[in-house]
């Protein structure tokens, strides 16, 4: 089962050539601001929500998300270039020439595919692993191995949700001091 997450403060602390970002657990909320029941929506029976409501169909109701009170969170250490790409996307800063994440988004789109979500699916030896969850033009879901930092940078540009496998959240919680 995967839990949907949102990106918290992007530049929490500088560590020479690295940055810390934080992912926080969120859930869909109703129009009146009340939280809905975890597990009520999401992909694959996952609970919570992410950076955005993701892609909604025509006429679909826009879903908003609220941070889970007492919800889980965890930091991920990422490289400075990836942190800068994420920050640039969050702030809506346009650049003259496409960067690597922009190139990959363009390739996915021009091949007739669509980035649906990001999933952080493993934690091993203090290293997180992720996939780009891409729907190809035939409707098949393809999971492409990725570093979480690259996946998050690409996902923010595509306004797609971030999911974290439940076992990864549990491992990350046990891994923190």
C-alpha atoms as a PDB file:
ATOM      1  CA  UNK A   1       0.000   0.000   0.000  1.00  0.00           C
ATOM      2  CA  UNK A   2       1.295   3.476  -0.829  1.00  0.00           C
ATOM      3  CA  UNK A   3       0.742   6.688   1.096  1.00  0.00           C
ATOM      4  CA  UNK A   4       0.508   9.970  -0.745  1.00  0.00           C
ATOM      5  CA  UNK A   5       2.954  12.699   0.310  1.00  0.00           C
ATOM      6  CA  UNK A   6       3.578  16.385  -0.295  1.00  0.00           C
ATOM      7  CA  UNK A   7       6.857  18.209  -0.481  1.00  0.00           C
ATOM      8  CA  UNK A   8       7.524  20.400   2.535  1.00  0.00           C
ATOM      9  CA  UNK A   9      10.032  23.244   2.774  1.00  0.00           C
ATOM     10  CA  UNK A  10      12.396  22.729  -0.114  1.00  0.00           C
ATOM     11  CA  UNK A  11      15.573  24.128   1.352  1.00  0.00           C
ATOM     12  CA  UNK A  12      15.499  23.081   4.960  1.00  0.00           C
ATOM     13  CA  UNK A  13      19.244  23.033   5.493  1.00  0.00           C
ATOM     14  CA  UNK A  14      22.323  23.241   3.318  1.00  0.00           C
ATOM     15  CA  UNK A  15      24.891  20.463   3.653  1.00  0.00           C
ATOM     16  CA  UNK A  16      27.728  21.644   1.402  1.00  0.00           C
ATOM     17  CA  UNK A  17      26.711  20.222  -1.987  1.00  0.00           C
ATOM     18  CA  UNK A  18      23.493  18.641  -0.731  1.00  0.00           C
ATOM     19  CA  UNK A  19      20.054  19.764   0.427  1.00  0.00           C
ATOM     20  CA  UNK A  20      17.422  18.203   2.641  1.00  0.00           C
ATOM     21  CA  UNK A  21      13.823  18.089   1.493  1.00  0.00           C
ATOM     22  CA  UNK A  22      10.966  16.732   3.562  1.00  0.00           C
ATOM     23  CA  UNK A  23       7.942  14.723   2.499  1.00  0.00           C
ATOM     24  CA  UNK A  24       4.819  14.924   4.705  1.00  0.00           C
ATOM     25  CA  UNK A  25       1.759  12.689   4.769  1.00  0.00           C
ATOM     26  CA  UNK A  26      -1.447  14.341   3.540  1.00  0.00           C
ATOM     27  CA  UNK A  27      -5.056  13.276   2.938  1.00  0.00           C
ATOM     28  CA  UNK A  28      -7.796  14.482   0.612  1.00  0.00           C
ATOM     29  CA  UNK A  29      -9.962  17.151   2.218  1.00  0.00           C
ATOM     30  CA  UNK A  30     -13.538  18.126   1.431  1.00  0.00           C
ATOM     31  CA  UNK A  31     -14.649  21.525   0.163  1.00  0.00           C
ATOM     32  CA  UNK A  32     -15.451  22.571   3.742  1.00  0.00           C
ATOM     33  CA  UNK A  33     -11.853  21.884   4.830  1.00  0.00           C
ATOM     34  CA  UNK A  34     -12.651  18.683   6.735  1.00  0.00           C
ATOM     35  CA  UNK A  35     -10.343  15.760   6.176  1.00  0.00           C
ATOM     36  CA  UNK A  36     -11.757  12.726   4.465  1.00  0.00           C
ATOM     37  CA  UNK A  37     -11.108   9.195   5.631  1.00  0.00           C
ATOM     38  CA  UNK A  38      -7.601   7.938   4.808  1.00  0.00           C
ATOM     39  CA  UNK A  39      -7.718   5.313   2.106  1.00  0.00           C
ATOM     40  CA  UNK A  40     -10.905   6.802   0.638  1.00  0.00           C
ATOM     41  CA  UNK A  41      -9.061   7.831  -2.500  1.00  0.00           C
ATOM     42  CA  UNK A  42      -5.673   7.534  -4.106  1.00  0.00           C
ATOM     43  CA  UNK A  43      -3.931   5.022  -6.295  1.00  0.00           C
ATOM     44  CA  UNK A  44      -3.660   1.380  -5.417  1.00  0.00           C
ATOM     45  CA  UNK A  45      -5.639   1.684  -2.197  1.00  0.00           C
ATOM     46  CA  UNK A  46      -3.061   4.066  -0.798  1.00  0.00           C
ATOM     47  CA  UNK A  47      -3.941   6.515   1.871  1.00  0.00           C
ATOM     48  CA  UNK A  48      -3.343  10.231   1.849  1.00  0.00           C
ATOM     49  CA  UNK A  49      -2.566  12.682  -0.895  1.00  0.00           C
ATOM     50  CA  UNK A  50       0.309  14.497  -2.533  1.00  0.00           C
ATOM     51  CA  UNK A  51       1.663  17.639  -4.061  1.00  0.00           C
ATOM     52  CA  UNK A  52      -1.426  18.017  -6.196  1.00  0.00           C
ATOM     53  CA  UNK A  53      -4.666  16.335  -7.060  1.00  0.00           C
ATOM     54  CA  UNK A  54      -2.937  14.922 -10.102  1.00  0.00           C
ATOM     55  CA  UNK A  55      -4.673  14.815 -13.429  1.00  0.00           C
ATOM     56  CA  UNK A  56      -8.424  14.913 -13.200  1.00  0.00           C
ATOM     57  CA  UNK A  57     -10.761  13.963 -16.001  1.00  0.00           C
ATOM     58  CA  UNK A  58     -13.002  16.471 -17.731  1.00  0.00           C
ATOM     59  CA  UNK A  59     -15.628  17.718 -15.332  1.00  0.00           C
ATOM     60  CA  UNK A  60     -13.955  15.996 -12.402  1.00  0.00           C
ATOM     61  CA  UNK A  61     -14.090  17.696  -9.030  1.00  0.00           C
ATOM     62  CA  UNK A  62     -10.751  19.196  -7.990  1.00  0.00           C
ATOM     63  CA  UNK A  63      -9.337  17.456  -4.949  1.00  0.00           C
ATOM     64  CA  UNK A  64      -7.423  19.417  -2.335  1.00  0.00           C
ATOM     65  CA  UNK A  65      -5.213  17.981   0.355  1.00  0.00           C
ATOM     66  CA  UNK A  66      -4.530  18.689   3.987  1.00  0.00           C
ATOM     67  CA  UNK A  67      -1.576  17.685   6.115  1.00  0.00           C
ATOM     68  CA  UNK A  68      -2.361  14.798   8.434  1.00  0.00           C
ATOM     69  CA  UNK A  69      -2.351  15.936  12.062  1.00  0.00           C
ATOM     70  CA  UNK A  70       0.455  13.945  13.640  1.00  0.00           C
ATOM     71  CA  UNK A  71       1.179  12.504  10.188  1.00  0.00           C
ATOM     72  CA  UNK A  72       4.442  10.954   9.239  1.00  0.00           C
ATOM     73  CA  UNK A  73       7.248  12.785   7.495  1.00  0.00           C
ATOM     74  CA  UNK A  74      10.824  12.087   6.592  1.00  0.00           C
ATOM     75  CA  UNK A  75      13.772  13.913   5.052  1.00  0.00           C
ATOM     76  CA  UNK A  76      15.577  12.955   1.858  1.00  0.00           C
ATOM     77  CA  UNK A  77      19.102  14.208   1.145  1.00  0.00           C
ATOM     78  CA  UNK A  78      19.419  15.280  -2.494  1.00  0.00           C
ATOM     79  CA  UNK A  79      22.072  16.882  -4.659  1.00  0.00           C
ATOM     80  CA  UNK A  80      22.243  20.635  -5.110  1.00  0.00           C
ATOM     81  CA  UNK A  81      21.335  20.602  -8.848  1.00  0.00           C
ATOM     82  CA  UNK A  82      18.195  18.549  -8.147  1.00  0.00           C
ATOM     83  CA  UNK A  83      17.287  20.819  -5.213  1.00  0.00           C
ATOM     84  CA  UNK A  84      17.669  23.856  -7.467  1.00  0.00           C
ATOM     85  CA  UNK A  85      15.493  22.237 -10.175  1.00  0.00           C
ATOM     86  CA  UNK A  86      12.776  21.451  -7.608  1.00  0.00           C
ATOM     87  CA  UNK A  87      12.939  24.931  -6.108  1.00  0.00           C
ATOM     88  CA  UNK A  88      12.779  26.534  -9.573  1.00  0.00           C
ATOM     89  CA  UNK A  89       9.666  24.520 -10.409  1.00  0.00           C
ATOM     90  CA  UNK A  90       7.979  25.287  -7.089  1.00  0.00           C
ATOM     91  CA  UNK A  91       8.589  29.005  -7.603  1.00  0.00           C
ATOM     92  CA  UNK A  92       7.504  28.897 -11.271  1.00  0.00           C
ATOM     93  CA  UNK A  93      10.847  30.267 -12.491  1.00  0.00           C
ATOM     94  CA  UNK A  94      11.258  29.818 -16.243  1.00  0.00           C
ATOM     95  CA  UNK A  95      14.688  29.316 -17.791  1.00  0.00           C
ATOM     96  CA  UNK A  96      15.796  29.938 -21.382  1.00  0.00           C
ATOM     97  CA  UNK A  97      16.977  26.415 -22.201  1.00  0.00           C
ATOM     98  CA  UNK A  98      15.508  23.090 -21.041  1.00  0.00           C
ATOM     99  CA  UNK A  99      17.315  21.233 -18.301  1.00  0.00           C
ATOM    100  CA  UNK A 100      17.540  17.418 -18.052  1.00  0.00           C
ATOM    101  CA  UNK A 101      14.213  17.100 -16.201  1.00  0.00           C
ATOM    102  CA  UNK A 102      12.533  19.302 -18.819  1.00  0.00           C
ATOM    103  CA  UNK A 103      14.010  17.133 -21.569  1.00  0.00           C
ATOM    104  CA  UNK A 104      12.683  13.935 -20.000  1.00  0.00           C
ATOM    105  CA  UNK A 105       9.203  15.461 -19.560  1.00  0.00           C
ATOM    106  CA  UNK A 106       9.252  16.449 -23.239  1.00  0.00           C
ATOM    107  CA  UNK A 107      10.360  12.959 -24.327  1.00  0.00           C
ATOM    108  CA  UNK A 108       7.559  11.318 -22.304  1.00  0.00           C
ATOM    109  CA  UNK A 109       4.975  13.693 -23.786  1.00  0.00           C
ATOM    110  CA  UNK A 110       6.251  13.420 -27.374  1.00  0.00           C
ATOM    111  CA  UNK A 111       6.127   9.619 -27.181  1.00  0.00           C
ATOM    112  CA  UNK A 112       2.417   9.888 -26.386  1.00  0.00           C
ATOM    113  CA  UNK A 113       2.840   8.844 -22.764  1.00  0.00           C
ATOM    114  CA  UNK A 114       1.844  10.586 -19.548  1.00  0.00           C
ATOM    115  CA  UNK A 115       3.575  10.795 -16.173  1.00  0.00           C
ATOM    116  CA  UNK A 116       0.864   9.765 -13.680  1.00  0.00           C
ATOM    117  CA  UNK A 117       2.715   9.696 -10.369  1.00  0.00           C
ATOM    118  CA  UNK A 118       5.975   9.249  -8.538  1.00  0.00           C
ATOM    119  CA  UNK A 119       6.429   6.355  -6.111  1.00  0.00           C
ATOM    120  CA  UNK A 120       9.207   6.128  -3.545  1.00  0.00           C
ATOM    121  CA  UNK A 121       9.286   2.370  -3.327  1.00  0.00           C
ATOM    122  CA  UNK A 122      12.365   1.292  -1.389  1.00  0.00           C
ATOM    123  CA  UNK A 123      14.885   2.271   1.268  1.00  0.00           C
ATOM    124  CA  UNK A 124      18.129   0.337   1.485  1.00  0.00           C
ATOM    125  CA  UNK A 125      21.329   1.309   3.327  1.00  0.00           C
ATOM    126  CA  UNK A 126      19.989   4.853   3.930  1.00  0.00           C
ATOM    127  CA  UNK A 127      19.283   5.277   0.196  1.00  0.00           C
ATOM    128  CA  UNK A 128      15.777   5.861  -1.179  1.00  0.00           C
ATOM    129  CA  UNK A 129      14.637   4.430  -4.516  1.00  0.00           C
ATOM    130  CA  UNK A 130      11.767   5.642  -6.693  1.00  0.00           C
ATOM    131  CA  UNK A 131       9.875   5.041  -9.906  1.00  0.00           C
ATOM    132  CA  UNK A 132       8.326   7.284 -12.509  1.00  0.00           C
ATOM    133  CA  UNK A 133       4.848   5.826 -13.042  1.00  0.00           C
ATOM    134  CA  UNK A 134       4.194   6.459 -16.741  1.00  0.00           C
ATOM    135  CA  UNK A 135       1.080   5.521 -18.739  1.00  0.00           C
ATOM    136  CA  UNK A 136       2.134   4.665 -22.300  1.00  0.00           C
ATOM    137  CA  UNK A 137       0.002   5.431 -25.344  1.00  0.00           C
ATOM    138  CA  UNK A 138      -1.421   1.897 -25.210  1.00  0.00           C
ATOM    139  CA  UNK A 139      -2.717   2.485 -21.688  1.00  0.00           C
ATOM    140  CA  UNK A 140      -0.115   0.298 -19.959  1.00  0.00           C
ATOM    141  CA  UNK A 141       1.460   1.493 -16.727  1.00  0.00           C
ATOM    142  CA  UNK A 142       5.248   1.462 -16.980  1.00  0.00           C
ATOM    143  CA  UNK A 143       7.359   1.939 -13.851  1.00  0.00           C
ATOM    144  CA  UNK A 144      10.744   3.482 -14.645  1.00  0.00           C
ATOM    145  CA  UNK A 145      13.534   3.312 -12.053  1.00  0.00           C
ATOM    146  CA  UNK A 146      14.625   6.762 -10.873  1.00  0.00           C
ATOM    147  CA  UNK A 147      16.430   8.574  -8.119  1.00  0.00           C
ATOM    148  CA  UNK A 148      13.804  10.184  -5.850  1.00  0.00           C
ATOM    149  CA  UNK A 149      15.288  13.652  -6.389  1.00  0.00           C
ATOM    150  CA  UNK A 150      14.975  13.372 -10.179  1.00  0.00           C
ATOM    151  CA  UNK A 151      11.505  11.863  -9.894  1.00  0.00           C
ATOM    152  CA  UNK A 152      10.310  14.641  -7.562  1.00  0.00           C
ATOM    153  CA  UNK A 153      11.738  17.360  -9.830  1.00  0.00           C
ATOM    154  CA  UNK A 154       9.961  15.827 -12.829  1.00  0.00           C
ATOM    155  CA  UNK A 155       6.770  15.208 -10.848  1.00  0.00           C
ATOM    156  CA  UNK A 156       6.507  18.791  -9.651  1.00  0.00           C
ATOM    157  CA  UNK A 157       6.791  20.024 -13.242  1.00  0.00           C
ATOM    158  CA  UNK A 158       3.998  17.605 -14.230  1.00  0.00           C
ATOM    159  CA  UNK A 159       1.893  18.389 -11.140  1.00  0.00           C
ATOM    160  CA  UNK A 160       1.571  14.695 -10.250  1.00  0.00           C
ATOM    161  CA  UNK A 161       1.168  13.051  -6.836  1.00  0.00           C
ATOM    162  CA  UNK A 162       4.029  11.537  -4.881  1.00  0.00           C
ATOM    163  CA  UNK A 163       3.376   8.168  -3.249  1.00  0.00           C
ATOM    164  CA  UNK A 164       5.530   6.402  -0.675  1.00  0.00           C
ATOM    165  CA  UNK A 165       5.187   2.686  -0.011  1.00  0.00           C
ATOM    166  CA  UNK A 166       3.989   1.996   3.525  1.00  0.00           C
ATOM    167  CA  UNK A 167       7.010  -0.211   4.289  1.00  0.00           C
ATOM    168  CA  UNK A 168       9.351   2.597   3.174  1.00  0.00           C
ATOM    169  CA  UNK A 169       7.600   5.042   5.521  1.00  0.00           C
ATOM    170  CA  UNK A 170       7.944   2.536   8.363  1.00  0.00           C
ATOM    171  CA  UNK A 171      11.633   1.984   7.580  1.00  0.00           C
ATOM    172  CA  UNK A 172      12.267   5.742   7.311  1.00  0.00           C
ATOM    173  CA  UNK A 173      10.585   6.333  10.672  1.00  0.00           C
ATOM    174  CA  UNK A 174      12.730   3.625  12.293  1.00  0.00           C
ATOM    175  CA  UNK A 175      15.855   4.988  10.580  1.00  0.00           C
ATOM    176  CA  UNK A 176      15.536   8.503  12.065  1.00  0.00           C
ATOM    177  CA  UNK A 177      17.403   9.386  15.299  1.00  0.00           C
END
